[in-house]
């Protein structure tokens, strides 16, 4: 009986670990991107760009969405850089 319960628990844990690797569909909410540049640092913007690039190369993000989101964050980085150079 103990082996049976252990096998069920191990199987369930393996299922929870392996399942995200087979989920190809990612729902990116473009409307959730906020242009609140005062709260974002350049480091955070570059980290997000790096994450987006990684998601695209892993096949979790379609090319058209990747390009849209990447352009938005690049614009945000340019705006932030412009504000930092003008203000400082």
N, C-alpha and C. Protein backbone atom coordinates (compact mmCIF):
# COMPACT_ATOMS: atom_id res chain seq x y z
N UNK A 1 0.82 -1.20 0.00
CA UNK A 1 0.00 0.00 0.00
C UNK A 1 0.86 1.26 0.00
N UNK A 2 1.95 1.25 0.77
CA UNK A 2 2.83 2.40 0.86
C UNK A 2 3.50 2.70 -0.47
N UNK A 3 3.86 1.62 -1.22
CA UNK A 3 4.48 1.82 -2.53
C UNK A 3 3.50 2.46 -3.51
N UNK A 4 2.27 2.07 -3.42
CA UNK A 4 1.24 2.60 -4.31
C UNK A 4 1.03 4.10 -4.07
N UNK A 5 0.93 4.49 -2.81
CA UNK A 5 0.74 5.90 -2.45
C UNK A 5 1.98 6.71 -2.86
N UNK A 6 3.16 6.16 -2.63
CA UNK A 6 4.40 6.84 -3.01
C UNK A 6 4.47 7.02 -4.52
N UNK A 7 4.08 6.00 -5.27
CA UNK A 7 4.10 6.09 -6.73
C UNK A 7 3.13 7.16 -7.22
N UNK A 8 1.97 7.27 -6.60
CA UNK A 8 1.00 8.29 -6.98
C UNK A 8 1.54 9.69 -6.68
N UNK A 9 2.14 9.86 -5.53
CA UNK A 9 2.69 11.17 -5.16
C UNK A 9 3.83 11.56 -6.10
N UNK A 10 4.72 10.64 -6.40
CA UNK A 10 5.84 10.91 -7.30
C UNK A 10 5.33 11.21 -8.71
N UNK A 11 4.34 10.46 -9.15
CA UNK A 11 3.77 10.71 -10.48
C UNK A 11 3.15 12.09 -10.56
N UNK A 12 2.44 12.49 -9.54
CA UNK A 12 1.82 13.80 -9.51
C UNK A 12 2.87 14.92 -9.52
N UNK A 13 3.92 14.75 -8.74
CA UNK A 13 5.00 15.75 -8.72
C UNK A 13 5.67 15.85 -10.08
N UNK A 14 5.94 14.75 -10.72
CA UNK A 14 6.54 14.76 -12.05
C UNK A 14 5.62 15.43 -13.06
N UNK A 15 4.34 15.18 -12.94
CA UNK A 15 3.37 15.83 -13.83
C UNK A 15 3.42 17.35 -13.67
N UNK A 16 3.47 17.83 -12.43
CA UNK A 16 3.52 19.27 -12.18
C UNK A 16 4.81 19.90 -12.69
N UNK A 17 5.89 19.16 -12.64
CA UNK A 17 7.18 19.67 -13.10
C UNK A 17 7.27 19.68 -14.62
N UNK A 18 6.78 18.64 -15.27
CA UNK A 18 6.94 18.48 -16.72
C UNK A 18 5.88 19.25 -17.51
N UNK A 19 4.71 19.45 -16.97
CA UNK A 19 3.59 20.06 -17.69
C UNK A 19 3.91 21.42 -18.32
N UNK A 20 4.59 22.35 -17.65
CA UNK A 20 4.85 23.66 -18.29
C UNK A 20 5.69 23.57 -19.56
N UNK A 21 6.51 22.55 -19.70
CA UNK A 21 7.34 22.41 -20.89
C UNK A 21 6.52 22.08 -22.14
N UNK A 22 5.36 21.54 -21.96
CA UNK A 22 4.51 21.16 -23.09
C UNK A 22 3.42 22.18 -23.38
N UNK A 23 3.32 23.21 -22.58
CA UNK A 23 2.33 24.26 -22.79
C UNK A 23 2.95 25.33 -23.67
N UNK A 24 2.64 25.32 -24.96
CA UNK A 24 3.21 26.26 -25.92
C UNK A 24 2.45 27.58 -25.98
N UNK A 25 1.21 27.59 -25.58
CA UNK A 25 0.37 28.77 -25.70
C UNK A 25 0.60 29.72 -24.52
N UNK A 26 1.05 30.92 -24.83
CA UNK A 26 1.25 31.95 -23.83
C UNK A 26 0.37 33.13 -24.20
N UNK A 27 -0.43 33.58 -23.28
CA UNK A 27 -1.32 34.70 -23.53
C UNK A 27 -0.63 35.99 -23.08
N UNK A 28 -0.09 36.73 -24.04
CA UNK A 28 0.55 38.00 -23.74
C UNK A 28 -0.49 39.09 -23.84
N UNK A 29 -0.62 39.83 -22.79
CA UNK A 29 -1.59 40.91 -22.75
C UNK A 29 -0.87 42.21 -23.08
N UNK A 30 -0.94 42.62 -24.32
CA UNK A 30 -0.24 43.81 -24.77
C UNK A 30 -0.75 45.05 -24.05
N UNK A 31 -2.00 45.05 -23.71
CA UNK A 31 -2.58 46.20 -23.03
C UNK A 31 -2.07 46.39 -21.61
N UNK A 32 -1.45 45.38 -21.04
CA UNK A 32 -0.96 45.48 -19.68
C UNK A 32 0.38 46.21 -19.59
N UNK A 33 1.03 46.46 -20.71
CA UNK A 33 2.29 47.17 -20.69
C UNK A 33 2.00 48.63 -20.39
N UNK A 34 2.60 49.12 -19.33
CA UNK A 34 2.35 50.49 -18.91
C UNK A 34 3.53 51.37 -19.28
N UNK A 35 3.23 52.57 -19.65
CA UNK A 35 4.27 53.52 -20.00
C UNK A 35 4.61 54.42 -18.81
N UNK A 36 4.71 53.83 -17.66
CA UNK A 36 5.04 54.56 -16.45
C UNK A 36 6.56 54.54 -16.29
N UNK A 37 7.23 55.43 -17.00
CA UNK A 37 8.69 55.42 -17.05
C UNK A 37 9.32 55.89 -15.76
N UNK A 38 8.58 56.58 -14.92
CA UNK A 38 9.16 57.06 -13.67
C UNK A 38 9.46 55.90 -12.72
N UNK A 39 8.71 54.83 -12.82
CA UNK A 39 8.90 53.71 -11.91
C UNK A 39 9.81 52.63 -12.47
N UNK A 40 10.11 52.66 -13.76
CA UNK A 40 10.98 51.65 -14.36
C UNK A 40 12.39 52.18 -14.50
N UNK A 41 13.35 51.34 -14.14
CA UNK A 41 14.74 51.71 -14.35
C UNK A 41 15.20 51.13 -15.67
N UNK A 42 16.32 51.62 -16.16
CA UNK A 42 16.87 51.09 -17.41
C UNK A 42 17.22 49.61 -17.23
N UNK A 43 17.68 49.26 -16.05
CA UNK A 43 18.01 47.85 -15.79
C UNK A 43 16.78 46.97 -15.92
N UNK A 44 15.65 47.42 -15.42
CA UNK A 44 14.41 46.65 -15.51
C UNK A 44 13.95 46.54 -16.96
N UNK A 45 14.09 47.61 -17.72
CA UNK A 45 13.68 47.58 -19.13
C UNK A 45 14.55 46.60 -19.91
N UNK A 46 15.87 46.66 -19.67
CA UNK A 46 16.77 45.74 -20.37
C UNK A 46 16.54 44.30 -19.94
N UNK A 47 16.22 44.09 -18.67
CA UNK A 47 15.93 42.73 -18.20
C UNK A 47 14.67 42.20 -18.88
N UNK A 48 13.68 43.05 -19.03
CA UNK A 48 12.45 42.64 -19.71
C UNK A 48 12.70 42.33 -21.17
N UNK A 49 13.52 43.16 -21.83
CA UNK A 49 13.87 42.87 -23.22
C UNK A 49 14.59 41.54 -23.34
N UNK A 50 15.46 41.25 -22.39
CA UNK A 50 16.17 39.97 -22.40
C UNK A 50 15.19 38.80 -22.21
N UNK A 51 14.22 38.96 -21.32
CA UNK A 51 13.22 37.92 -21.10
C UNK A 51 12.37 37.68 -22.34
N UNK A 52 11.96 38.76 -22.98
CA UNK A 52 11.16 38.66 -24.19
C UNK A 52 11.93 37.92 -25.28
N UNK A 53 13.20 38.27 -25.42
CA UNK A 53 14.05 37.60 -26.41
C UNK A 53 14.18 36.11 -26.11
N UNK A 54 14.35 35.78 -24.84
CA UNK A 54 14.47 34.38 -24.45
C UNK A 54 13.18 33.61 -24.73
N UNK A 55 12.04 34.22 -24.40
CA UNK A 55 10.75 33.58 -24.64
C UNK A 55 10.54 33.32 -26.13
N UNK A 56 10.95 34.27 -26.96
CA UNK A 56 10.81 34.12 -28.41
C UNK A 56 11.68 32.97 -28.92
N UNK A 57 12.92 32.93 -28.46
CA UNK A 57 13.82 31.88 -28.94
C UNK A 57 13.47 30.50 -28.40
N UNK A 58 12.72 30.45 -27.31
CA UNK A 58 12.25 29.16 -26.78
C UNK A 58 10.98 28.72 -27.49
N UNK A 59 10.41 29.57 -28.32
CA UNK A 59 9.21 29.21 -29.06
C UNK A 59 7.92 29.48 -28.31
N UNK A 60 7.98 30.23 -27.24
CA UNK A 60 6.79 30.52 -26.45
C UNK A 60 6.08 31.80 -26.86
N UNK A 61 6.74 32.58 -27.72
CA UNK A 61 6.18 33.86 -28.13
C UNK A 61 6.20 33.94 -29.65
N UNK A 62 5.05 34.19 -30.27
CA UNK A 62 5.02 34.32 -31.74
C UNK A 62 5.83 35.52 -32.22
N UNK A 63 6.31 35.43 -33.46
CA UNK A 63 7.20 36.46 -34.00
C UNK A 63 6.55 37.84 -34.02
N UNK A 64 5.29 37.91 -34.44
CA UNK A 64 4.63 39.22 -34.52
C UNK A 64 4.47 39.86 -33.14
N UNK A 65 4.10 39.07 -32.14
CA UNK A 65 3.99 39.59 -30.78
C UNK A 65 5.36 40.01 -30.25
N UNK A 66 6.38 39.18 -30.54
CA UNK A 66 7.74 39.49 -30.12
C UNK A 66 8.18 40.84 -30.65
N UNK A 67 7.94 41.07 -31.93
CA UNK A 67 8.36 42.33 -32.55
C UNK A 67 7.61 43.53 -31.96
N UNK A 68 6.30 43.36 -31.72
CA UNK A 68 5.50 44.45 -31.15
C UNK A 68 5.99 44.82 -29.75
N UNK A 69 6.13 43.81 -28.91
CA UNK A 69 6.52 44.06 -27.52
C UNK A 69 7.95 44.58 -27.46
N UNK A 70 8.83 44.03 -28.29
CA UNK A 70 10.22 44.47 -28.30
C UNK A 70 10.31 45.95 -28.70
N UNK A 71 9.56 46.34 -29.73
CA UNK A 71 9.58 47.74 -30.16
C UNK A 71 9.06 48.66 -29.06
N UNK A 72 8.03 48.23 -28.34
CA UNK A 72 7.49 49.05 -27.26
C UNK A 72 8.53 49.27 -26.17
N UNK A 73 9.20 48.19 -25.78
CA UNK A 73 10.20 48.34 -24.72
C UNK A 73 11.44 49.08 -25.20
N UNK A 74 11.77 48.97 -26.48
CA UNK A 74 12.89 49.75 -27.00
C UNK A 74 12.54 51.24 -27.00
N UNK A 75 11.29 51.56 -27.33
CA UNK A 75 10.85 52.95 -27.26
C UNK A 75 10.88 53.47 -25.83
N UNK A 76 10.47 52.61 -24.90
CA UNK A 76 10.50 53.00 -23.49
C UNK A 76 11.94 53.25 -23.04
N UNK A 77 12.87 52.41 -23.48
CA UNK A 77 14.28 52.59 -23.11
C UNK A 77 14.83 53.88 -23.70
N UNK A 78 14.49 54.16 -24.95
CA UNK A 78 14.96 55.39 -25.59
C UNK A 78 14.39 56.62 -24.88
N UNK A 79 13.12 56.57 -24.53
CA UNK A 79 12.47 57.68 -23.82
C UNK A 79 13.14 57.90 -22.46
N UNK A 80 13.36 56.81 -21.75
CA UNK A 80 13.98 56.90 -20.42
C UNK A 80 15.40 57.45 -20.53
N UNK A 81 16.15 57.00 -21.51
CA UNK A 81 17.52 57.48 -21.72
C UNK A 81 17.52 58.96 -22.05
N UNK A 82 16.56 59.39 -22.88
CA UNK A 82 16.44 60.80 -23.24
C UNK A 82 16.11 61.64 -22.00
N UNK A 83 15.21 61.15 -21.18
CA UNK A 83 14.84 61.88 -19.96
C UNK A 83 16.02 61.96 -19.00
N UNK A 84 16.77 60.87 -18.88
CA UNK A 84 17.92 60.85 -17.97
C UNK A 84 19.00 61.81 -18.43
N UNK A 85 19.24 61.90 -19.73
CA UNK A 85 20.29 62.79 -20.22
C UNK A 85 19.86 64.25 -20.16
N UNK A 86 18.59 64.52 -20.40
CA UNK A 86 18.11 65.91 -20.34
C UNK A 86 17.98 66.39 -18.89
N UNK A 87 17.55 65.50 -18.03
CA UNK A 87 17.32 65.87 -16.63
C UNK A 87 18.59 65.90 -15.80
N UNK A 88 19.63 65.17 -16.22
CA UNK A 88 20.83 65.06 -15.38
C UNK A 88 21.91 65.85 -15.87
